[in-house]
Amino acid sequence: MLHKTCVMNFITILFIAIGLSMDSLAVSITGGICMKPFCMRQSLKMALVMGIFQGGMTWMGWALGIHFSSLITDFDHWIAFILLSYLGGKMVYESFQKEEKGAITFSNKTLLTLGVATSIDALAVGVSMAFLQLDIWRPASIIALTTFSLSFAGVLCGFRFGRIKGLNAELFGGIILIAIGLKILAEHTLMN
């Protein structure tokens, strides 16, 4: 009976991890689209940042527990929306400013901002895991590894897609980031 419970918990955590990873996956696809030429180091770096933030924010939410959960859930979606809209808007604006586009890179500062913006939901998941009195290390690790894997695959797929001739990668990527921000905002404001 214990083995069945462990498997169910793993499967449940895996589905939670996949759900949490979707925004990171979309951002990673955008990163791949904008990457010219392909850079394995930058791809791994983006996937690593996304994975660390998803797992880390889950752990942080668990650590905060019930003490600060109401403060976070009241405005977390606005933070994600503002950060993603800012970065997306900046990319859209810059796509019209340059005639000759060179390689588009995501700086450390941009990657950290994207990591925070896409992992705020993981903070809330961590808080709920504290309510359920779950040990956080296993779920946070599964969430981090799942996000890393999906993000890396997203960069690879995005790079392939970004090689389409005539595609304005920076404009397309900016629109994707804004759309993710709007999705997060809509999910939280329409559901409440």
N, C-alpha and C. Protein backbone atom coordinates (compact mmCIF):
# COMPACT_ATOMS: atom_id res chain seq x y z
N MET A 1 0.83 -1.20 0.00
CA MET A 1 0.00 0.00 0.00
C MET A 1 0.87 1.26 0.00
N LEU A 2 1.97 1.25 0.76
CA LEU A 2 2.86 2.40 0.83
C LEU A 2 3.48 2.69 -0.53
N HIS A 3 3.85 1.61 -1.27
CA HIS A 3 4.46 1.79 -2.58
C HIS A 3 3.49 2.48 -3.54
N LYS A 4 2.21 2.09 -3.50
CA LYS A 4 1.21 2.71 -4.35
C LYS A 4 1.06 4.20 -4.04
N THR A 5 1.10 4.55 -2.76
CA THR A 5 0.99 5.95 -2.35
C THR A 5 2.18 6.75 -2.87
N CYS A 6 3.39 6.17 -2.79
CA CYS A 6 4.59 6.87 -3.28
C CYS A 6 4.50 7.11 -4.77
N VAL A 7 4.02 6.10 -5.53
CA VAL A 7 3.89 6.24 -6.97
C VAL A 7 2.86 7.32 -7.29
N MET A 8 1.72 7.29 -6.58
CA MET A 8 0.71 8.31 -6.80
C MET A 8 1.25 9.69 -6.49
N ASN A 9 1.99 9.83 -5.42
CA ASN A 9 2.56 11.11 -5.08
C ASN A 9 3.55 11.58 -6.14
N PHE A 10 4.36 10.66 -6.65
CA PHE A 10 5.31 11.02 -7.70
C PHE A 10 4.57 11.48 -8.94
N ILE A 11 3.55 10.74 -9.34
CA ILE A 11 2.79 11.11 -10.54
C ILE A 11 2.11 12.46 -10.35
N THR A 12 1.53 12.67 -9.19
CA THR A 12 0.88 13.96 -8.90
C THR A 12 1.89 15.09 -8.96
N ILE A 13 3.04 14.89 -8.34
CA ILE A 13 4.09 15.91 -8.33
C ILE A 13 4.60 16.16 -9.75
N LEU A 14 4.72 15.09 -10.55
CA LEU A 14 5.18 15.23 -11.92
C LEU A 14 4.19 16.08 -12.73
N PHE A 15 2.90 15.84 -12.56
CA PHE A 15 1.91 16.65 -13.27
C PHE A 15 1.93 18.10 -12.80
N ILE A 16 2.13 18.31 -11.52
CA ILE A 16 2.28 19.68 -11.01
C ILE A 16 3.51 20.33 -11.64
N ALA A 17 4.61 19.57 -11.70
CA ALA A 17 5.86 20.08 -12.28
C ALA A 17 5.68 20.45 -13.75
N ILE A 18 4.97 19.61 -14.50
CA ILE A 18 4.73 19.89 -15.92
C ILE A 18 3.88 21.15 -16.05
N GLY A 19 2.85 21.26 -15.23
CA GLY A 19 2.01 22.46 -15.26
C GLY A 19 2.79 23.72 -14.94
N LEU A 20 3.62 23.66 -13.91
CA LEU A 20 4.42 24.82 -13.54
C LEU A 20 5.45 25.17 -14.62
N SER A 21 5.89 24.18 -15.36
CA SER A 21 6.94 24.38 -16.36
C SER A 21 6.47 25.03 -17.65
N MET A 22 5.18 25.13 -17.86
CA MET A 22 4.67 25.58 -19.16
C MET A 22 5.09 27.02 -19.50
N ASP A 23 5.06 27.92 -18.53
CA ASP A 23 5.50 29.29 -18.81
C ASP A 23 6.99 29.33 -19.11
N SER A 24 7.77 28.55 -18.36
CA SER A 24 9.21 28.47 -18.61
C SER A 24 9.49 27.87 -19.98
N LEU A 25 8.71 26.88 -20.35
CA LEU A 25 8.85 26.27 -21.67
C LEU A 25 8.61 27.30 -22.77
N ALA A 26 7.54 28.08 -22.64
CA ALA A 26 7.22 29.09 -23.65
C ALA A 26 8.31 30.15 -23.74
N VAL A 27 8.84 30.57 -22.59
CA VAL A 27 9.92 31.56 -22.58
C VAL A 27 11.17 30.96 -23.22
N SER A 28 11.43 29.69 -22.96
CA SER A 28 12.60 29.03 -23.54
C SER A 28 12.48 28.88 -25.05
N ILE A 29 11.28 28.60 -25.52
CA ILE A 29 11.06 28.55 -26.96
C ILE A 29 11.38 29.91 -27.57
N THR A 30 10.94 30.97 -26.89
CA THR A 30 11.24 32.33 -27.34
C THR A 30 12.75 32.54 -27.38
N GLY A 31 13.45 32.09 -26.35
CA GLY A 31 14.91 32.21 -26.31
C GLY A 31 15.56 31.49 -27.47
N GLY A 32 15.05 30.31 -27.80
CA GLY A 32 15.58 29.56 -28.93
C GLY A 32 15.32 30.23 -30.26
N ILE A 33 14.12 30.82 -30.39
CA ILE A 33 13.78 31.53 -31.62
C ILE A 33 14.75 32.69 -31.86
N CYS A 34 15.09 33.39 -30.78
CA CYS A 34 15.96 34.57 -30.89
C CYS A 34 17.44 34.23 -30.98
N MET A 35 17.81 32.98 -30.74
CA MET A 35 19.22 32.59 -30.68
C MET A 35 19.80 32.40 -32.09
N LYS A 36 20.79 33.18 -32.39
CA LYS A 36 21.48 33.06 -33.67
C LYS A 36 22.95 33.39 -33.44
N PRO A 37 23.87 32.53 -33.66
CA PRO A 37 23.74 31.11 -33.97
C PRO A 37 23.43 30.33 -32.69
N PHE A 38 23.19 29.03 -32.86
CA PHE A 38 22.88 28.19 -31.70
C PHE A 38 24.07 28.15 -30.75
N CYS A 39 23.80 28.27 -29.46
CA CYS A 39 24.85 28.24 -28.44
C CYS A 39 24.42 27.27 -27.34
N MET A 40 25.12 26.16 -27.25
CA MET A 40 24.79 25.14 -26.24
C MET A 40 24.91 25.71 -24.83
N ARG A 41 25.93 26.50 -24.59
CA ARG A 41 26.15 27.08 -23.26
C ARG A 41 24.98 27.96 -22.85
N GLN A 42 24.54 28.83 -23.75
CA GLN A 42 23.42 29.72 -23.45
C GLN A 42 22.12 28.93 -23.29
N SER A 43 21.94 27.87 -24.06
CA SER A 43 20.75 27.03 -23.96
C SER A 43 20.68 26.36 -22.60
N LEU A 44 21.81 25.78 -22.19
CA LEU A 44 21.87 25.13 -20.87
C LEU A 44 21.68 26.15 -19.74
N LYS A 45 22.25 27.33 -19.92
CA LYS A 45 22.13 28.38 -18.91
C LYS A 45 20.67 28.80 -18.73
N MET A 46 19.97 28.99 -19.84
CA MET A 46 18.56 29.38 -19.76
C MET A 46 17.75 28.28 -19.07
N ALA A 47 17.94 27.03 -19.48
CA ALA A 47 17.21 25.92 -18.89
C ALA A 47 17.54 25.78 -17.40
N LEU A 48 18.80 25.97 -17.05
CA LEU A 48 19.22 25.87 -15.66
C LEU A 48 18.58 26.96 -14.80
N VAL A 49 18.57 28.19 -15.30
CA VAL A 49 17.94 29.30 -14.55
C VAL A 49 16.46 29.01 -14.34
N MET A 50 15.77 28.55 -15.40
CA MET A 50 14.34 28.25 -15.27
C MET A 50 14.11 27.14 -14.25
N GLY A 51 14.91 26.09 -14.31
CA GLY A 51 14.76 24.98 -13.37
C GLY A 51 15.05 25.38 -11.93
N ILE A 52 16.12 26.13 -11.74
CA ILE A 52 16.49 26.56 -10.39
C ILE A 52 15.40 27.45 -9.79
N PHE A 53 14.87 28.37 -10.59
CA PHE A 53 13.83 29.26 -10.07
C PHE A 53 12.55 28.51 -9.75
N GLN A 54 12.13 27.58 -10.62
CA GLN A 54 10.90 26.82 -10.32
C GLN A 54 11.06 26.00 -9.04
N GLY A 55 12.16 25.27 -8.94
CA GLY A 55 12.38 24.47 -7.72
C GLY A 55 12.62 25.34 -6.50
N GLY A 56 13.41 26.40 -6.67
CA GLY A 56 13.72 27.30 -5.57
C GLY A 56 12.52 28.06 -5.05
N MET A 57 11.67 28.53 -5.96
CA MET A 57 10.48 29.25 -5.53
C MET A 57 9.48 28.31 -4.85
N THR A 58 9.44 27.06 -5.30
CA THR A 58 8.59 26.08 -4.61
C THR A 58 9.07 25.90 -3.18
N TRP A 59 10.37 25.75 -3.03
CA TRP A 59 10.95 25.61 -1.70
C TRP A 59 10.69 26.87 -0.86
N MET A 60 10.88 28.05 -1.47
CA MET A 60 10.68 29.30 -0.73
C MET A 60 9.23 29.45 -0.27
N GLY A 61 8.29 29.10 -1.14
CA GLY A 61 6.88 29.15 -0.77
C GLY A 61 6.58 28.23 0.39
N TRP A 62 7.17 27.05 0.35
CA TRP A 62 7.00 26.09 1.45
C TRP A 62 7.57 26.67 2.74
N ALA A 63 8.76 27.29 2.64
CA ALA A 63 9.41 27.86 3.82
C ALA A 63 8.59 29.01 4.40
N LEU A 64 8.00 29.82 3.54
CA LEU A 64 7.16 30.92 4.03
C LEU A 64 5.89 30.40 4.68
N GLY A 65 5.40 29.28 4.12
CA GLY A 65 4.23 28.64 4.69
C GLY A 65 3.03 29.56 4.82
N ILE A 66 2.32 29.38 5.87
CA ILE A 66 1.06 30.12 6.04
C ILE A 66 1.28 31.55 6.53
N HIS A 67 2.46 31.90 6.94
CA HIS A 67 2.69 33.23 7.51
C HIS A 67 2.45 34.36 6.52
N PHE A 68 2.91 34.17 5.28
CA PHE A 68 2.83 35.25 4.33
C PHE A 68 2.01 34.91 3.08
N SER A 69 1.32 33.78 3.06
CA SER A 69 0.66 33.34 1.83
C SER A 69 -0.37 34.34 1.32
N SER A 70 -1.14 34.95 2.20
CA SER A 70 -2.17 35.89 1.74
C SER A 70 -1.54 37.14 1.13
N LEU A 71 -0.37 37.53 1.62
CA LEU A 71 0.30 38.70 1.06
C LEU A 71 0.80 38.43 -0.35
N ILE A 72 1.25 37.23 -0.60
CA ILE A 72 1.83 36.87 -1.89
C ILE A 72 0.73 36.65 -2.93
N THR A 73 -0.30 35.88 -2.59
CA THR A 73 -1.31 35.51 -3.58
C THR A 73 -2.18 36.68 -4.02
N ASP A 74 -2.21 37.75 -3.26
CA ASP A 74 -3.02 38.91 -3.65
C ASP A 74 -2.45 39.66 -4.85
N PHE A 75 -1.15 39.60 -5.07
CA PHE A 75 -0.58 40.40 -6.15
C PHE A 75 0.49 39.69 -6.98
N ASP A 76 0.70 38.39 -6.78
CA ASP A 76 1.76 37.69 -7.52
C ASP A 76 1.55 37.74 -9.03
N HIS A 77 0.32 37.66 -9.47
CA HIS A 77 0.02 37.67 -10.90
C HIS A 77 0.33 39.04 -11.52
N TRP A 78 0.19 40.10 -10.75
CA TRP A 78 0.52 41.44 -11.26
C TRP A 78 2.03 41.59 -11.46
N ILE A 79 2.81 41.02 -10.54
CA ILE A 79 4.27 41.08 -10.68
C ILE A 79 4.70 40.35 -11.95
N ALA A 80 4.18 39.13 -12.14
CA ALA A 80 4.53 38.35 -13.34
C ALA A 80 4.10 39.09 -14.60
N PHE A 81 2.89 39.63 -14.60
CA PHE A 81 2.39 40.36 -15.77
C PHE A 81 3.27 41.56 -16.10
N ILE A 82 3.63 42.36 -15.10
CA ILE A 82 4.44 43.56 -15.32
C ILE A 82 5.83 43.19 -15.85
N LEU A 83 6.48 42.20 -15.22
CA LEU A 83 7.82 41.80 -15.65
C LEU A 83 7.82 41.27 -17.09
N LEU A 84 6.89 40.37 -17.39
CA LEU A 84 6.85 39.78 -18.73
C LEU A 84 6.43 40.81 -19.78
N SER A 85 5.48 41.67 -19.44
CA SER A 85 5.06 42.70 -20.39
C SER A 85 6.18 43.70 -20.66
N TYR A 86 6.92 44.05 -19.62
CA TYR A 86 8.05 44.96 -19.80
C TYR A 86 9.09 44.36 -20.75
N LEU A 87 9.50 43.11 -20.46
CA LEU A 87 10.51 42.46 -21.30
C LEU A 87 10.00 42.24 -22.72
N GLY A 88 8.73 41.79 -22.84
CA GLY A 88 8.15 41.58 -24.15
C GLY A 88 8.01 42.88 -24.93
N GLY A 89 7.54 43.92 -24.25
CA GLY A 89 7.41 45.23 -24.89
C GLY A 89 8.74 45.77 -25.36
N LYS A 90 9.76 45.56 -24.56
CA LYS A 90 11.11 46.01 -24.92
C LYS A 90 11.59 45.28 -26.17
N MET A 91 11.33 43.96 -26.24
CA MET A 91 11.74 43.19 -27.42
C MET A 91 10.97 43.65 -28.66
N VAL A 92 9.66 43.89 -28.51
CA VAL A 92 8.87 44.37 -29.65
C VAL A 92 9.39 45.72 -30.12
N TYR A 93 9.62 46.63 -29.19
CA TYR A 93 10.14 47.96 -29.53
C TYR A 93 11.48 47.85 -30.26
N GLU A 94 12.39 47.04 -29.71
CA GLU A 94 13.71 46.90 -30.31
C GLU A 94 13.66 46.22 -31.68
N SER A 95 12.62 45.42 -31.91
CA SER A 95 12.52 44.75 -33.21
C SER A 95 12.27 45.76 -34.34
N PHE A 96 11.69 46.91 -34.00
CA PHE A 96 11.44 47.94 -35.00
C PHE A 96 12.57 48.97 -35.07
N GLN A 97 13.50 48.93 -34.12
CA GLN A 97 14.58 49.92 -34.07
C GLN A 97 15.78 49.55 -34.92
N LYS A 98 16.00 48.28 -35.15
CA LYS A 98 17.18 47.84 -35.86
C LYS A 98 16.79 47.31 -37.23
N GLU A 99 17.49 47.75 -38.21
CA GLU A 99 17.27 47.21 -39.55
C GLU A 99 18.06 45.92 -39.71
N GLU A 100 19.31 45.96 -39.30
CA GLU A 100 20.19 44.79 -39.39
C GLU A 100 20.27 44.16 -38.02
N LYS A 101 19.69 42.99 -37.87
CA LYS A 101 19.65 42.36 -36.55
C LYS A 101 20.84 41.42 -36.38
N GLY A 102 21.53 41.60 -35.29
CA GLY A 102 22.60 40.69 -34.95
C GLY A 102 22.07 39.60 -34.04
N ALA A 103 22.95 38.96 -33.35
CA ALA A 103 22.53 37.92 -32.42
C ALA A 103 21.81 38.55 -31.23
N ILE A 104 20.69 37.97 -30.87
CA ILE A 104 19.93 38.42 -29.73
C ILE A 104 20.28 37.50 -28.57
N THR A 105 20.72 38.08 -27.48
CA THR A 105 21.08 37.26 -26.33
C THR A 105 20.27 37.69 -25.12
N PHE A 106 20.07 36.76 -24.24
CA PHE A 106 19.40 37.04 -22.98
C PHE A 106 20.50 37.22 -21.93
N SER A 107 20.62 38.44 -21.43
CA SER A 107 21.64 38.73 -20.42
C SER A 107 21.29 38.03 -19.11
N ASN A 108 22.24 38.00 -18.19
CA ASN A 108 21.98 37.41 -16.88
C ASN A 108 20.82 38.10 -16.18
N LYS A 109 20.78 39.43 -16.28
CA LYS A 109 19.70 40.19 -15.66
C LYS A 109 18.35 39.81 -16.26
N THR A 110 18.29 39.67 -17.58
CA THR A 110 17.05 39.28 -18.24
C THR A 110 16.65 37.87 -17.85
N LEU A 111 17.61 36.95 -17.82
CA LEU A 111 17.31 35.58 -17.42
C LEU A 111 16.78 35.51 -15.99
N LEU A 112 17.37 36.28 -15.08
CA LEU A 112 16.90 36.29 -13.70
C LEU A 112 15.48 36.85 -13.61
N THR A 113 15.21 37.90 -14.37
CA THR A 113 13.86 38.48 -14.38
C THR A 113 12.85 37.48 -14.93
N LEU A 114 13.21 36.80 -16.01
CA LEU A 114 12.33 35.79 -16.58
C LEU A 114 12.14 34.62 -15.61
N GLY A 115 13.21 34.25 -14.92
CA GLY A 115 13.11 33.18 -13.93
C GLY A 115 12.12 33.52 -12.83
N VAL A 116 12.19 34.75 -12.32
CA VAL A 116 11.25 35.19 -11.28
C VAL A 116 9.83 35.24 -11.84
N ALA A 117 9.67 35.87 -12.99
CA ALA A 117 8.34 36.07 -13.55
C ALA A 117 7.62 34.76 -13.85
N THR A 118 8.35 33.76 -14.31
CA THR A 118 7.71 32.49 -14.67
C THR A 118 7.56 31.54 -13.49
N SER A 119 8.15 31.87 -12.36
CA SER A 119 8.10 30.92 -11.23
C SER A 119 7.30 31.42 -10.03
N ILE A 120 6.60 32.52 -10.18
CA ILE A 120 5.83 33.03 -9.05
C ILE A 120 4.72 32.05 -8.65
N ASP A 121 4.13 31.36 -9.62
CA ASP A 121 3.12 30.35 -9.30
C ASP A 121 3.71 29.23 -8.44
N ALA A 122 4.99 28.92 -8.66
CA ALA A 122 5.64 27.87 -7.87
C ALA A 122 5.71 28.26 -6.40
N LEU A 123 5.79 29.55 -6.13
CA LEU A 123 5.77 30.04 -4.75
C LEU A 123 4.45 29.65 -4.07
N ALA A 124 3.35 29.87 -4.79
CA ALA A 124 2.03 29.51 -4.25
C ALA A 124 1.89 28.00 -4.07
N VAL A 125 2.44 27.23 -5.02
CA VAL A 125 2.40 25.77 -4.89
C VAL A 125 3.18 25.33 -3.65
N GLY A 126 4.33 25.97 -3.42
CA GLY A 126 5.11 25.65 -2.22
C GLY A 126 4.35 25.93 -0.94
N VAL A 127 3.61 27.04 -0.93
CA VAL A 127 2.79 27.37 0.24
C VAL A 127 1.74 26.28 0.46
N SER A 128 1.10 25.83 -0.62
CA SER A 128 0.08 24.78 -0.47
C SER A 128 0.71 23.47 0.00
N MET A 129 1.94 23.21 -0.39
CA MET A 129 2.62 21.99 0.09
C MET A 129 2.94 22.10 1.57
N ALA A 130 3.17 23.32 2.04
CA ALA A 130 3.38 23.51 3.49
C ALA A 130 2.09 23.20 4.24
N PHE A 131 0.94 23.61 3.68
CA PHE A 131 -0.35 23.32 4.31
C PHE A 131 -0.60 21.82 4.38
N LEU A 132 -0.15 21.10 3.36
CA LEU A 132 -0.33 19.65 3.32
C LEU A 132 0.73 18.91 4.13
N GLN A 133 1.66 19.66 4.69
CA GLN A 133 2.75 19.12 5.51
C GLN A 133 3.59 18.09 4.74
N LEU A 134 3.88 18.42 3.49
CA LEU A 134 4.72 17.56 2.67
C LEU A 134 6.19 17.91 2.87
N ASP A 135 7.04 16.89 2.75
CA ASP A 135 8.48 17.14 2.73
C ASP A 135 8.78 17.80 1.38
N ILE A 136 9.44 18.92 1.38
CA ILE A 136 9.56 19.74 0.17
C ILE A 136 10.70 19.32 -0.76
N TRP A 137 11.69 18.63 -0.28
CA TRP A 137 12.88 18.37 -1.09
C TRP A 137 12.57 17.55 -2.34
N ARG A 138 11.80 16.52 -2.21
CA ARG A 138 11.47 15.67 -3.36
C ARG A 138 10.63 16.44 -4.39
N PRO A 139 9.51 17.07 -3.98
CA PRO A 139 8.74 17.83 -4.98
C PRO A 139 9.53 18.96 -5.64
N ALA A 140 10.29 19.71 -4.85
CA ALA A 140 11.06 20.82 -5.42
C ALA A 140 12.10 20.30 -6.41
N SER A 141 12.71 19.17 -6.12
CA SER A 141 13.70 18.58 -7.04
C SER A 141 13.05 18.12 -8.33
N ILE A 142 11.89 17.47 -8.21
CA ILE A 142 11.18 17.00 -9.41
C ILE A 142 10.74 18.19 -10.25
N ILE A 143 10.25 19.24 -9.61
CA ILE A 143 9.82 20.45 -10.32
C ILE A 143 11.01 21.09 -11.03
N ALA A 144 12.15 21.19 -10.34
CA ALA A 144 13.35 21.80 -10.95
C ALA A 144 13.84 20.98 -12.14
N LEU A 145 13.93 19.66 -11.99
CA LEU A 145 14.42 18.81 -13.09
C LEU A 145 13.47 18.78 -14.29
N THR A 146 12.18 18.75 -14.01
CA THR A 146 11.19 18.76 -15.08
C THR A 146 11.27 20.08 -15.85
N THR A 147 11.34 21.19 -15.12
CA THR A 147 11.43 22.50 -15.77
C THR A 147 12.71 22.62 -16.58
N PHE A 148 13.83 22.16 -16.02
CA PHE A 148 15.09 22.20 -16.75
C PHE A 148 14.96 21.43 -18.06
N SER A 149 14.45 20.21 -17.99
CA SER A 149 14.33 19.36 -19.19
C SER A 149 13.43 19.98 -20.24
N LEU A 150 12.25 20.44 -19.82
CA LEU A 150 11.32 21.03 -20.78
C LEU A 150 11.85 22.35 -21.35
N SER A 151 12.52 23.12 -20.51
CA SER A 151 13.09 24.39 -20.98
C SER A 151 14.19 24.16 -22.00
N PHE A 152 15.04 23.19 -21.75
CA PHE A 152 16.12 22.89 -22.69
C PHE A 152 15.53 22.41 -24.03
N ALA A 153 14.53 21.54 -23.95
CA ALA A 153 13.86 21.08 -25.17
C ALA A 153 13.20 22.26 -25.88
N GLY A 154 12.65 23.20 -25.10
CA GLY A 154 12.02 24.38 -25.69
C GLY A 154 13.00 25.25 -26.44
N VAL A 155 14.20 25.44 -25.89
CA VAL A 155 15.22 26.23 -26.58
C VAL A 155 15.59 25.56 -27.91
N LEU A 156 15.75 24.25 -27.89
CA LEU A 156 16.09 23.52 -29.12
C LEU A 156 14.99 23.66 -30.17
N CYS A 157 13.74 23.47 -29.75
CA CYS A 157 12.61 23.61 -30.69
C CYS A 157 12.50 25.04 -31.20
N GLY A 158 12.66 25.99 -30.31
CA GLY A 158 12.59 27.40 -30.70
C GLY A 158 13.66 27.76 -31.69
N PHE A 159 14.87 27.24 -31.49
CA PHE A 159 15.96 27.52 -32.42
C PHE A 159 15.61 27.02 -33.82
N ARG A 160 15.07 25.80 -33.87
CA ARG A 160 14.67 25.25 -35.18
C ARG A 160 13.61 26.13 -35.83
N PHE A 161 12.63 26.56 -35.04
CA PHE A 161 11.55 27.41 -35.55
C PHE A 161 12.08 28.77 -35.97
N GLY A 162 13.03 29.30 -35.22
CA GLY A 162 13.59 30.62 -35.48
C GLY A 162 14.42 30.70 -36.75
N ARG A 163 14.76 29.57 -37.31
CA ARG A 163 15.57 29.56 -38.54
C ARG A 163 14.72 29.79 -39.79
N ILE A 164 13.40 29.93 -39.61
CA ILE A 164 12.52 30.19 -40.75
C ILE A 164 12.87 31.55 -41.34
N LYS A 165 13.12 31.56 -42.62
CA LYS A 165 13.54 32.78 -43.31
C LYS A 165 12.46 33.85 -43.24
N GLY A 166 12.88 35.06 -42.92
CA GLY A 166 11.96 36.19 -42.89
C GLY A 166 11.23 36.37 -41.57
N LEU A 167 11.44 35.48 -40.61
CA LEU A 167 10.78 35.59 -39.31
C LEU A 167 11.48 36.66 -38.49
N ASN A 168 10.73 37.64 -37.99
CA ASN A 168 11.27 38.66 -37.10
C ASN A 168 11.25 38.05 -35.69
N ALA A 169 12.33 37.37 -35.32
CA ALA A 169 12.39 36.61 -34.08
C ALA A 169 12.17 37.48 -32.86
N GLU A 170 12.74 38.67 -32.84
CA GLU A 170 12.61 39.53 -31.67
C GLU A 170 11.17 40.00 -31.49
N LEU A 171 10.50 40.35 -32.57
CA LEU A 171 9.08 40.75 -32.50
C LEU A 171 8.23 39.58 -32.04
N PHE A 172 8.44 38.42 -32.63
CA PHE A 172 7.68 37.22 -32.27
C PHE A 172 7.91 36.85 -30.81
N GLY A 173 9.16 36.88 -30.37
CA GLY A 173 9.49 36.56 -28.98
C GLY A 173 8.85 37.53 -28.01
N GLY A 174 8.88 38.82 -28.33
CA GLY A 174 8.26 39.83 -27.47
C GLY A 174 6.77 39.61 -27.32
N ILE A 175 6.11 39.28 -28.44
CA ILE A 175 4.67 39.01 -28.40
C ILE A 175 4.37 37.80 -27.53
N ILE A 176 5.21 36.77 -27.61
CA ILE A 176 5.02 35.58 -26.77
C ILE A 176 5.13 35.95 -25.29
N LEU A 177 6.14 36.74 -24.91
CA LEU A 177 6.30 37.12 -23.50
C LEU A 177 5.10 37.93 -23.01
N ILE A 178 4.61 38.86 -23.81
CA ILE A 178 3.44 39.64 -23.41
C ILE A 178 2.22 38.72 -23.26
N ALA A 179 2.06 37.77 -24.18
CA ALA A 179 0.94 36.84 -24.13
C ALA A 179 1.00 35.98 -22.86
N ILE A 180 2.19 35.55 -22.46
CA ILE A 180 2.32 34.77 -21.23
C ILE A 180 1.92 35.62 -20.04
N GLY A 181 2.36 36.88 -20.01
CA GLY A 181 1.98 37.78 -18.93
C GLY A 181 0.48 37.98 -18.86
N LEU A 182 -0.16 38.16 -20.00
CA LEU A 182 -1.62 38.32 -20.05
C LEU A 182 -2.33 37.06 -19.59
N LYS A 183 -1.80 35.89 -19.97
CA LYS A 183 -2.39 34.61 -19.56
C LYS A 183 -2.35 34.47 -18.05
N ILE A 184 -1.21 34.77 -17.45
CA ILE A 184 -1.08 34.67 -15.99
C ILE A 184 -2.04 35.63 -15.31
N LEU A 185 -2.13 36.86 -15.81
CA LEU A 185 -3.03 37.85 -15.22
C LEU A 185 -4.48 37.39 -15.35
N ALA A 186 -4.87 36.91 -16.53
CA ALA A 186 -6.24 36.46 -16.75
C ALA A 186 -6.60 35.28 -15.86
N GLU A 187 -5.68 34.32 -15.75
CA GLU A 187 -5.94 33.15 -14.91
C GLU A 187 -6.23 33.54 -13.47
N HIS A 188 -5.48 34.49 -12.96
CA HIS A 188 -5.62 34.87 -11.56
C HIS A 188 -6.77 35.83 -11.31
N THR A 189 -7.04 36.74 -12.24
CA THR A 189 -8.10 37.71 -11.99
C THR A 189 -9.48 37.17 -12.38
N LEU A 190 -9.56 36.34 -13.39
CA LEU A 190 -10.85 35.78 -13.80
C LEU A 190 -11.29 34.61 -12.93
N MET A 191 -10.33 33.93 -12.31
CA MET A 191 -10.66 32.79 -11.45
C MET A 191 -11.07 33.22 -10.05
N ASN A 192 -10.73 34.45 -9.67
CA ASN A 192 -11.04 34.91 -8.31
C ASN A 192 -12.30 35.72 -8.28
